[in-house]
Amino acid sequence: MPPKHDLVRTSCVRASYPNICLRTLSSYSGPVNTPRDLAQAAVKVSLSRARKASVFLSQLKSHSKREEGVLNDCVEQMGDSVDELSETLEELHNLHGGDFQWRMSNAQTWVSAALTNEDTCLDGFKEIDGNIRSDVKKKVTNLARITSNALYLINLLDESGGKRTVQT
């Protein structure tokens, strides 16, 4: 098995959603040679999906004022999630030297905030019935699972102290 797939497999095995982790990161086209590469790849995948979810949500048509309000809130939360995942990526790109722990803490905070926004979006649809709820739930639940896996891989990177290998 090539090193990339070995790293993905050994890293994803304990993720919250290991099958999603394996599927999304095994097909990732960028370089994945270190735990840092893997964490960055996971955040990039999450960011890409968050952008797509944001566009998808902004194009949905609501059928009531209540639904419209929940949908507008969700669009805003997805926009915030995109911003937070972008900040996470920035922190991971700048991991070096004496500020490793500070940047890791920032990355964990940003990706946790993104996950909270995704969960809050889903919560808003609990009292809404119909096709929009089903469509949003499917799209945002998948995104939240990918983001949760990204947080797991960031935490794994933090535990390794940025070393080139991962202990599982």
N, C-alpha and C. Protein backbone atom coordinates (compact mmCIF):
# COMPACT_ATOMS: atom_id res chain seq x y z
N MET A 1 0.85 -1.18 0.00
CA MET A 1 0.00 0.00 0.00
C MET A 1 0.89 1.24 0.00
N PRO A 2 0.62 2.22 -0.85
CA PRO A 2 1.43 3.44 -0.89
C PRO A 2 1.41 4.16 0.45
N PRO A 3 2.49 4.91 0.78
CA PRO A 3 2.57 5.60 2.07
C PRO A 3 1.37 6.51 2.37
N LYS A 4 0.89 7.23 1.34
CA LYS A 4 -0.26 8.13 1.56
C LYS A 4 -1.45 7.35 2.10
N HIS A 5 -1.77 6.24 1.44
CA HIS A 5 -2.93 5.47 1.85
C HIS A 5 -2.71 4.82 3.21
N ASP A 6 -1.47 4.45 3.50
CA ASP A 6 -1.15 3.88 4.80
C ASP A 6 -1.36 4.92 5.91
N LEU A 7 -0.88 6.15 5.68
CA LEU A 7 -1.07 7.23 6.65
C LEU A 7 -2.56 7.53 6.83
N VAL A 8 -3.29 7.60 5.74
CA VAL A 8 -4.73 7.87 5.82
C VAL A 8 -5.42 6.75 6.60
N ARG A 9 -5.11 5.52 6.26
CA ARG A 9 -5.76 4.37 6.91
C ARG A 9 -5.47 4.34 8.41
N THR A 10 -4.20 4.47 8.77
CA THR A 10 -3.85 4.40 10.20
C THR A 10 -4.38 5.60 10.98
N SER A 11 -4.49 6.74 10.33
CA SER A 11 -4.98 7.95 11.01
C SER A 11 -6.50 7.96 11.13
N CYS A 12 -7.19 7.44 10.12
CA CYS A 12 -8.65 7.50 10.11
C CYS A 12 -9.32 6.41 10.94
N VAL A 13 -8.57 5.39 11.30
CA VAL A 13 -9.18 4.22 11.95
C VAL A 13 -9.95 4.58 13.23
N ARG A 14 -9.51 5.59 13.96
CA ARG A 14 -10.18 5.97 15.21
C ARG A 14 -10.98 7.28 15.09
N ALA A 15 -11.12 7.78 13.90
CA ALA A 15 -11.91 9.00 13.70
C ALA A 15 -13.37 8.71 14.05
N SER A 16 -14.13 9.75 14.32
CA SER A 16 -15.55 9.58 14.63
C SER A 16 -16.30 8.90 13.50
N TYR A 17 -15.91 9.22 12.28
CA TYR A 17 -16.55 8.67 11.09
C TYR A 17 -15.46 8.10 10.18
N PRO A 18 -14.91 6.92 10.54
CA PRO A 18 -13.75 6.39 9.82
C PRO A 18 -13.99 6.13 8.34
N ASN A 19 -15.17 5.67 7.96
CA ASN A 19 -15.42 5.41 6.54
C ASN A 19 -15.43 6.69 5.72
N ILE A 20 -16.04 7.74 6.28
CA ILE A 20 -16.04 9.04 5.59
C ILE A 20 -14.62 9.57 5.53
N CYS A 21 -13.87 9.43 6.61
CA CYS A 21 -12.48 9.88 6.66
C CYS A 21 -11.66 9.19 5.57
N LEU A 22 -11.77 7.88 5.50
CA LEU A 22 -11.04 7.11 4.48
C LEU A 22 -11.44 7.52 3.08
N ARG A 23 -12.75 7.61 2.85
CA ARG A 23 -13.25 7.92 1.51
C ARG A 23 -12.83 9.32 1.05
N THR A 24 -12.97 10.31 1.93
CA THR A 24 -12.67 11.68 1.50
C THR A 24 -11.17 11.93 1.37
N LEU A 25 -10.37 11.30 2.22
CA LEU A 25 -8.93 11.59 2.19
C LEU A 25 -8.14 10.66 1.28
N SER A 26 -8.64 9.45 1.03
CA SER A 26 -7.96 8.56 0.09
C SER A 26 -8.03 9.11 -1.32
N SER A 27 -9.12 9.81 -1.61
CA SER A 27 -9.29 10.36 -2.96
C SER A 27 -8.76 11.79 -3.07
N TYR A 28 -8.22 12.34 -1.98
CA TYR A 28 -7.67 13.70 -2.00
C TYR A 28 -6.48 13.74 -2.96
N SER A 29 -6.46 14.72 -3.84
CA SER A 29 -5.46 14.76 -4.91
C SER A 29 -4.14 15.41 -4.52
N GLY A 30 -4.11 16.14 -3.42
CA GLY A 30 -2.88 16.82 -3.02
C GLY A 30 -1.92 15.89 -2.29
N PRO A 31 -0.72 16.41 -1.98
CA PRO A 31 0.26 15.58 -1.27
C PRO A 31 -0.15 15.34 0.18
N VAL A 32 -0.05 14.10 0.62
CA VAL A 32 -0.36 13.73 2.00
C VAL A 32 0.74 12.78 2.47
N ASN A 33 1.82 13.37 2.99
CA ASN A 33 2.97 12.58 3.42
C ASN A 33 3.20 12.62 4.92
N THR A 34 2.59 13.59 5.60
CA THR A 34 2.81 13.76 7.04
C THR A 34 1.46 14.00 7.73
N PRO A 35 1.42 13.86 9.05
CA PRO A 35 0.18 14.17 9.77
C PRO A 35 -0.29 15.61 9.53
N ARG A 36 0.65 16.52 9.37
CA ARG A 36 0.27 17.91 9.07
C ARG A 36 -0.40 18.01 7.71
N ASP A 37 0.17 17.32 6.71
CA ASP A 37 -0.46 17.28 5.38
C ASP A 37 -1.88 16.73 5.48
N LEU A 38 -2.03 15.68 6.27
CA LEU A 38 -3.32 15.03 6.41
C LEU A 38 -4.34 15.95 7.08
N ALA A 39 -3.93 16.64 8.13
CA ALA A 39 -4.83 17.59 8.80
C ALA A 39 -5.23 18.71 7.85
N GLN A 40 -4.26 19.22 7.09
CA GLN A 40 -4.56 20.27 6.12
C GLN A 40 -5.51 19.76 5.04
N ALA A 41 -5.28 18.55 4.57
CA ALA A 41 -6.16 17.97 3.55
C ALA A 41 -7.58 17.85 4.08
N ALA A 42 -7.72 17.39 5.32
CA ALA A 42 -9.04 17.23 5.92
C ALA A 42 -9.76 18.57 6.02
N VAL A 43 -9.04 19.61 6.41
CA VAL A 43 -9.65 20.94 6.51
C VAL A 43 -10.00 21.47 5.11
N LYS A 44 -9.13 21.22 4.13
CA LYS A 44 -9.43 21.67 2.76
C LYS A 44 -10.69 21.00 2.22
N VAL A 45 -10.84 19.70 2.49
CA VAL A 45 -12.05 18.99 2.06
C VAL A 45 -13.27 19.58 2.76
N SER A 46 -13.16 19.80 4.06
CA SER A 46 -14.27 20.38 4.82
C SER A 46 -14.62 21.78 4.30
N LEU A 47 -13.60 22.58 4.04
CA LEU A 47 -13.82 23.93 3.52
C LEU A 47 -14.52 23.90 2.16
N SER A 48 -14.08 23.01 1.29
CA SER A 48 -14.71 22.87 -0.03
C SER A 48 -16.18 22.48 0.12
N ARG A 49 -16.45 21.54 0.99
CA ARG A 49 -17.83 21.09 1.21
C ARG A 49 -18.67 22.20 1.86
N ALA A 50 -18.07 22.97 2.76
CA ALA A 50 -18.80 24.07 3.40
C ALA A 50 -19.17 25.13 2.37
N ARG A 51 -18.26 25.42 1.46
CA ARG A 51 -18.57 26.39 0.39
C ARG A 51 -19.72 25.89 -0.47
N LYS A 52 -19.68 24.61 -0.83
CA LYS A 52 -20.76 24.03 -1.64
C LYS A 52 -22.08 24.04 -0.88
N ALA A 53 -22.03 23.74 0.41
CA ALA A 53 -23.25 23.76 1.22
C ALA A 53 -23.82 25.17 1.31
N SER A 54 -22.95 26.16 1.43
CA SER A 54 -23.38 27.54 1.50
C SER A 54 -24.11 27.96 0.22
N VAL A 55 -23.55 27.60 -0.92
CA VAL A 55 -24.19 27.90 -2.21
C VAL A 55 -25.52 27.16 -2.31
N PHE A 56 -25.51 25.89 -1.98
CA PHE A 56 -26.72 25.07 -2.03
C PHE A 56 -27.83 25.70 -1.18
N LEU A 57 -27.50 26.07 0.05
CA LEU A 57 -28.49 26.63 0.97
C LEU A 57 -29.01 27.98 0.48
N SER A 58 -28.13 28.78 -0.10
CA SER A 58 -28.56 30.11 -0.56
C SER A 58 -29.49 30.02 -1.77
N GLN A 59 -29.50 28.87 -2.44
CA GLN A 59 -30.35 28.70 -3.61
C GLN A 59 -31.70 28.04 -3.29
N LEU A 60 -31.86 27.56 -2.06
CA LEU A 60 -33.12 26.93 -1.69
C LEU A 60 -34.23 27.97 -1.56
N LYS A 61 -35.42 27.58 -1.93
CA LYS A 61 -36.59 28.45 -1.82
C LYS A 61 -37.45 27.98 -0.65
N SER A 62 -37.74 28.89 0.25
CA SER A 62 -38.55 28.54 1.42
C SER A 62 -40.03 28.66 1.09
N HIS A 63 -40.85 27.96 1.90
CA HIS A 63 -42.29 27.95 1.67
C HIS A 63 -43.07 28.66 2.78
N SER A 64 -42.34 29.19 3.76
CA SER A 64 -43.01 29.92 4.85
C SER A 64 -42.01 30.92 5.45
N LYS A 65 -42.55 31.87 6.20
CA LYS A 65 -41.68 32.86 6.85
C LYS A 65 -40.75 32.18 7.85
N ARG A 66 -41.28 31.22 8.59
CA ARG A 66 -40.47 30.50 9.57
C ARG A 66 -39.32 29.76 8.88
N GLU A 67 -39.65 29.06 7.83
CA GLU A 67 -38.65 28.32 7.06
C GLU A 67 -37.61 29.28 6.48
N GLU A 68 -38.08 30.41 6.00
CA GLU A 68 -37.17 31.42 5.44
C GLU A 68 -36.19 31.92 6.50
N GLY A 69 -36.69 32.16 7.70
CA GLY A 69 -35.82 32.63 8.79
C GLY A 69 -34.77 31.60 9.15
N VAL A 70 -35.18 30.35 9.28
CA VAL A 70 -34.25 29.27 9.62
C VAL A 70 -33.22 29.10 8.50
N LEU A 71 -33.68 29.17 7.27
CA LEU A 71 -32.78 29.03 6.12
C LEU A 71 -31.77 30.17 6.06
N ASN A 72 -32.23 31.40 6.29
CA ASN A 72 -31.31 32.55 6.31
C ASN A 72 -30.26 32.41 7.41
N ASP A 73 -30.70 31.96 8.59
CA ASP A 73 -29.75 31.73 9.68
C ASP A 73 -28.72 30.69 9.28
N CYS A 74 -29.18 29.64 8.65
CA CYS A 74 -28.29 28.55 8.24
C CYS A 74 -27.28 29.02 7.19
N VAL A 75 -27.72 29.84 6.25
CA VAL A 75 -26.81 30.39 5.25
C VAL A 75 -25.73 31.22 5.94
N GLU A 76 -26.13 32.02 6.92
CA GLU A 76 -25.16 32.83 7.67
C GLU A 76 -24.18 31.94 8.44
N GLN A 77 -24.70 30.89 9.05
CA GLN A 77 -23.84 29.97 9.81
C GLN A 77 -22.86 29.24 8.89
N MET A 78 -23.30 28.89 7.69
CA MET A 78 -22.39 28.25 6.74
C MET A 78 -21.31 29.22 6.29
N GLY A 79 -21.68 30.48 6.12
CA GLY A 79 -20.68 31.51 5.78
C GLY A 79 -19.65 31.65 6.89
N ASP A 80 -20.13 31.63 8.13
CA ASP A 80 -19.20 31.68 9.27
C ASP A 80 -18.31 30.45 9.30
N SER A 81 -18.89 29.31 9.01
CA SER A 81 -18.13 28.06 8.99
C SER A 81 -17.02 28.12 7.93
N VAL A 82 -17.34 28.65 6.77
CA VAL A 82 -16.33 28.82 5.71
C VAL A 82 -15.19 29.71 6.22
N ASP A 83 -15.54 30.82 6.85
CA ASP A 83 -14.51 31.73 7.39
C ASP A 83 -13.65 31.03 8.44
N GLU A 84 -14.28 30.28 9.32
CA GLU A 84 -13.55 29.61 10.40
C GLU A 84 -12.65 28.50 9.87
N LEU A 85 -13.11 27.78 8.88
CA LEU A 85 -12.26 26.74 8.27
C LEU A 85 -11.10 27.37 7.51
N SER A 86 -11.32 28.53 6.91
CA SER A 86 -10.22 29.25 6.25
C SER A 86 -9.18 29.68 7.28
N GLU A 87 -9.64 30.17 8.43
CA GLU A 87 -8.72 30.55 9.52
C GLU A 87 -7.95 29.32 10.02
N THR A 88 -8.63 28.19 10.12
CA THR A 88 -7.98 26.95 10.55
C THR A 88 -6.85 26.60 9.60
N LEU A 89 -7.13 26.66 8.32
CA LEU A 89 -6.12 26.34 7.30
C LEU A 89 -4.93 27.28 7.40
N GLU A 90 -5.19 28.54 7.64
CA GLU A 90 -4.13 29.53 7.80
C GLU A 90 -3.23 29.16 8.98
N GLU A 91 -3.83 28.77 10.09
CA GLU A 91 -3.04 28.37 11.26
C GLU A 91 -2.20 27.13 10.95
N LEU A 92 -2.78 26.15 10.27
CA LEU A 92 -2.04 24.93 9.95
C LEU A 92 -0.91 25.18 8.97
N HIS A 93 -1.09 26.15 8.08
CA HIS A 93 -0.02 26.50 7.12
C HIS A 93 1.16 27.16 7.83
N ASN A 94 0.90 27.77 8.97
CA ASN A 94 1.94 28.53 9.67
C ASN A 94 2.48 27.84 10.92
N LEU A 95 2.34 26.53 10.98
CA LEU A 95 2.89 25.78 12.13
C LEU A 95 4.40 25.69 12.00
N HIS A 96 5.09 26.30 12.93
CA HIS A 96 6.54 26.16 12.96
C HIS A 96 7.09 26.76 14.24
N GLY A 97 8.24 26.27 14.62
CA GLY A 97 8.98 26.85 15.73
C GLY A 97 8.25 26.90 17.04
N GLY A 98 8.53 27.97 17.76
CA GLY A 98 8.05 28.12 19.13
C GLY A 98 6.57 28.39 19.28
N ASP A 99 5.88 28.72 18.19
CA ASP A 99 4.46 29.02 18.34
C ASP A 99 3.56 27.86 17.92
N PHE A 100 4.11 26.64 17.86
CA PHE A 100 3.34 25.47 17.45
C PHE A 100 2.09 25.30 18.30
N GLN A 101 2.25 25.30 19.63
CA GLN A 101 1.10 25.07 20.52
C GLN A 101 0.04 26.16 20.39
N TRP A 102 0.48 27.40 20.25
CA TRP A 102 -0.46 28.51 20.11
C TRP A 102 -1.26 28.36 18.81
N ARG A 103 -0.58 28.04 17.73
CA ARG A 103 -1.26 27.88 16.44
C ARG A 103 -2.17 26.65 16.45
N MET A 104 -1.74 25.57 17.09
CA MET A 104 -2.59 24.38 17.20
C MET A 104 -3.85 24.70 17.99
N SER A 105 -3.70 25.44 19.07
CA SER A 105 -4.85 25.83 19.87
C SER A 105 -5.82 26.67 19.03
N ASN A 106 -5.27 27.59 18.26
CA ASN A 106 -6.11 28.41 17.38
C ASN A 106 -6.83 27.55 16.35
N ALA A 107 -6.11 26.62 15.74
CA ALA A 107 -6.71 25.74 14.72
C ALA A 107 -7.84 24.92 15.34
N GLN A 108 -7.61 24.39 16.53
CA GLN A 108 -8.64 23.60 17.21
C GLN A 108 -9.87 24.47 17.52
N THR A 109 -9.63 25.69 17.94
CA THR A 109 -10.73 26.60 18.26
C THR A 109 -11.54 26.94 17.01
N TRP A 110 -10.85 27.27 15.92
CA TRP A 110 -11.54 27.64 14.68
C TRP A 110 -12.37 26.48 14.12
N VAL A 111 -11.78 25.29 14.07
CA VAL A 111 -12.52 24.16 13.50
C VAL A 111 -13.67 23.74 14.42
N SER A 112 -13.49 23.89 15.72
CA SER A 112 -14.59 23.62 16.67
C SER A 112 -15.73 24.61 16.46
N ALA A 113 -15.40 25.86 16.21
CA ALA A 113 -16.42 26.88 15.95
C ALA A 113 -17.18 26.56 14.66
N ALA A 114 -16.46 26.10 13.64
CA ALA A 114 -17.11 25.71 12.38
C ALA A 114 -18.09 24.57 12.62
N LEU A 115 -17.66 23.59 13.39
CA LEU A 115 -18.52 22.45 13.71
C LEU A 115 -19.75 22.89 14.49
N THR A 116 -19.58 23.82 15.41
CA THR A 116 -20.71 24.35 16.18
C THR A 116 -21.70 25.04 15.25
N ASN A 117 -21.22 25.83 14.30
CA ASN A 117 -22.12 26.49 13.35
C ASN A 117 -22.89 25.48 12.51
N GLU A 118 -22.22 24.42 12.09
CA GLU A 118 -22.90 23.39 11.30
C GLU A 118 -23.99 22.70 12.12
N ASP A 119 -23.66 22.39 13.38
CA ASP A 119 -24.65 21.77 14.27
C ASP A 119 -25.81 22.71 14.56
N THR A 120 -25.52 24.00 14.73
CA THR A 120 -26.56 24.99 14.99
C THR A 120 -27.50 25.11 13.80
N CYS A 121 -26.95 25.06 12.61
CA CYS A 121 -27.77 25.07 11.39
C CYS A 121 -28.74 23.89 11.41
N LEU A 122 -28.23 22.72 11.71
CA LEU A 122 -29.09 21.53 11.77
C LEU A 122 -30.17 21.67 12.84
N ASP A 123 -29.80 22.20 13.99
CA ASP A 123 -30.76 22.38 15.09
C ASP A 123 -31.93 23.26 14.67
N GLY A 124 -31.66 24.26 13.85
CA GLY A 124 -32.71 25.16 13.42
C GLY A 124 -33.80 24.48 12.60
N PHE A 125 -33.46 23.36 11.99
CA PHE A 125 -34.42 22.66 11.13
C PHE A 125 -35.20 21.57 11.86
N LYS A 126 -34.97 21.41 13.15
CA LYS A 126 -35.67 20.35 13.90
C LYS A 126 -37.19 20.54 13.88
N GLU A 127 -37.64 21.77 13.86
CA GLU A 127 -39.08 22.05 13.90
C GLU A 127 -39.67 22.31 12.51
N ILE A 128 -38.87 22.12 11.48
CA ILE A 128 -39.32 22.35 10.11
C ILE A 128 -39.58 20.99 9.45
N ASP A 129 -40.69 20.88 8.74
CA ASP A 129 -41.00 19.64 8.02
C ASP A 129 -40.78 19.83 6.53
N GLY A 130 -40.75 18.74 5.81
CA GLY A 130 -40.74 18.82 4.36
C GLY A 130 -39.40 18.56 3.71
N ASN A 131 -39.39 18.81 2.41
CA ASN A 131 -38.22 18.50 1.58
C ASN A 131 -37.00 19.32 1.93
N ILE A 132 -37.20 20.59 2.27
CA ILE A 132 -36.05 21.44 2.58
C ILE A 132 -35.31 20.88 3.79
N ARG A 133 -36.04 20.48 4.81
CA ARG A 133 -35.41 19.91 6.00
C ARG A 133 -34.57 18.69 5.62
N SER A 134 -35.15 17.82 4.83
CA SER A 134 -34.45 16.59 4.42
C SER A 134 -33.19 16.91 3.62
N ASP A 135 -33.32 17.84 2.68
CA ASP A 135 -32.17 18.22 1.84
C ASP A 135 -31.06 18.86 2.67
N VAL A 136 -31.44 19.76 3.55
CA VAL A 136 -30.46 20.45 4.40
C VAL A 136 -29.80 19.45 5.35
N LYS A 137 -30.61 18.61 5.96
CA LYS A 137 -30.08 17.64 6.92
C LYS A 137 -29.03 16.74 6.27
N LYS A 138 -29.32 16.25 5.09
CA LYS A 138 -28.39 15.37 4.39
C LYS A 138 -27.07 16.08 4.10
N LYS A 139 -27.17 17.26 3.53
CA LYS A 139 -25.98 18.02 3.12
C LYS A 139 -25.15 18.46 4.33
N VAL A 140 -25.80 19.03 5.32
CA VAL A 140 -25.08 19.60 6.46
C VAL A 140 -24.59 18.51 7.42
N THR A 141 -25.33 17.42 7.56
CA THR A 141 -24.85 16.31 8.39
C THR A 141 -23.56 15.74 7.83
N ASN A 142 -23.51 15.55 6.52
CA ASN A 142 -22.29 15.04 5.89
C ASN A 142 -21.13 16.02 6.11
N LEU A 143 -21.39 17.30 5.95
CA LEU A 143 -20.37 18.32 6.19
C LEU A 143 -19.89 18.27 7.64
N ALA A 144 -20.81 18.19 8.58
CA ALA A 144 -20.44 18.15 10.00
C ALA A 144 -19.58 16.93 10.32
N ARG A 145 -19.87 15.82 9.68
CA ARG A 145 -19.06 14.61 9.90
C ARG A 145 -17.65 14.79 9.35
N ILE A 146 -17.54 15.41 8.20
CA ILE A 146 -16.22 15.67 7.61
C ILE A 146 -15.45 16.65 8.49
N THR A 147 -16.14 17.68 8.99
CA THR A 147 -15.50 18.65 9.88
C THR A 147 -15.08 18.01 11.20
N SER A 148 -15.91 17.13 11.72
CA SER A 148 -15.57 16.40 12.94
C SER A 148 -14.30 15.58 12.74
N ASN A 149 -14.19 14.93 11.60
CA ASN A 149 -12.97 14.17 11.30
C ASN A 149 -11.76 15.09 11.18
N ALA A 150 -11.96 16.27 10.61
CA ALA A 150 -10.85 17.23 10.50
C ALA A 150 -10.38 17.63 11.90
N LEU A 151 -11.31 17.86 12.81
CA LEU A 151 -10.94 18.19 14.19
C LEU A 151 -10.16 17.03 14.82
N TYR A 152 -10.60 15.82 14.60
CA TYR A 152 -9.90 14.65 15.12
C TYR A 152 -8.45 14.62 14.60
N LEU A 153 -8.27 14.85 13.31
CA LEU A 153 -6.92 14.80 12.73
C LEU A 153 -6.05 15.95 13.21
N ILE A 154 -6.65 17.10 13.48
CA ILE A 154 -5.91 18.22 14.07
C ILE A 154 -5.49 17.86 15.50
N ASN A 155 -6.39 17.26 16.24
CA ASN A 155 -6.05 16.82 17.60
C ASN A 155 -4.94 15.76 17.58
N LEU A 156 -4.98 14.87 16.60
CA LEU A 156 -3.95 13.85 16.45
C LEU A 156 -2.60 14.50 16.15
N LEU A 157 -2.62 15.51 15.29
CA LEU A 157 -1.40 16.26 14.98
C LEU A 157 -0.87 16.96 16.23
N ASP A 158 -1.76 17.54 17.01
CA ASP A 158 -1.36 18.21 18.25
C ASP A 158 -0.72 17.21 19.22
N GLU A 159 -1.32 16.04 19.36
CA GLU A 159 -0.77 15.01 20.25
C GLU A 159 0.62 14.57 19.82
N SER A 160 0.85 14.56 18.51
CA SER A 160 2.17 14.13 18.00
C SER A 160 3.20 15.24 18.13
N GLY A 161 2.74 16.44 18.48
CA GLY A 161 3.66 17.57 18.60
C GLY A 161 4.23 17.99 17.26
N GLY A 162 3.52 17.64 16.19
CA GLY A 162 3.98 18.01 14.85
C GLY A 162 5.01 17.05 14.28
N LYS A 163 5.20 15.91 14.95
CA LYS A 163 6.17 14.93 14.45
C LYS A 163 5.70 14.37 13.11
N ARG A 164 6.60 13.73 12.42
CA ARG A 164 6.30 13.24 11.07
C ARG A 164 5.53 11.92 11.06
N THR A 165 5.30 11.33 12.21
CA THR A 165 4.54 10.08 12.27
C THR A 165 3.39 10.24 13.25
N VAL A 166 2.43 9.36 13.14
CA VAL A 166 1.26 9.39 14.02
C VAL A 166 1.24 8.10 14.82
N GLN A 167 1.04 8.25 16.12
CA GLN A 167 0.86 7.07 16.99
C GLN A 167 -0.63 6.82 17.11
N THR A 168 -1.07 5.62 16.77
CA THR A 168 -2.51 5.31 16.88
C THR A 168 -2.76 4.29 17.95
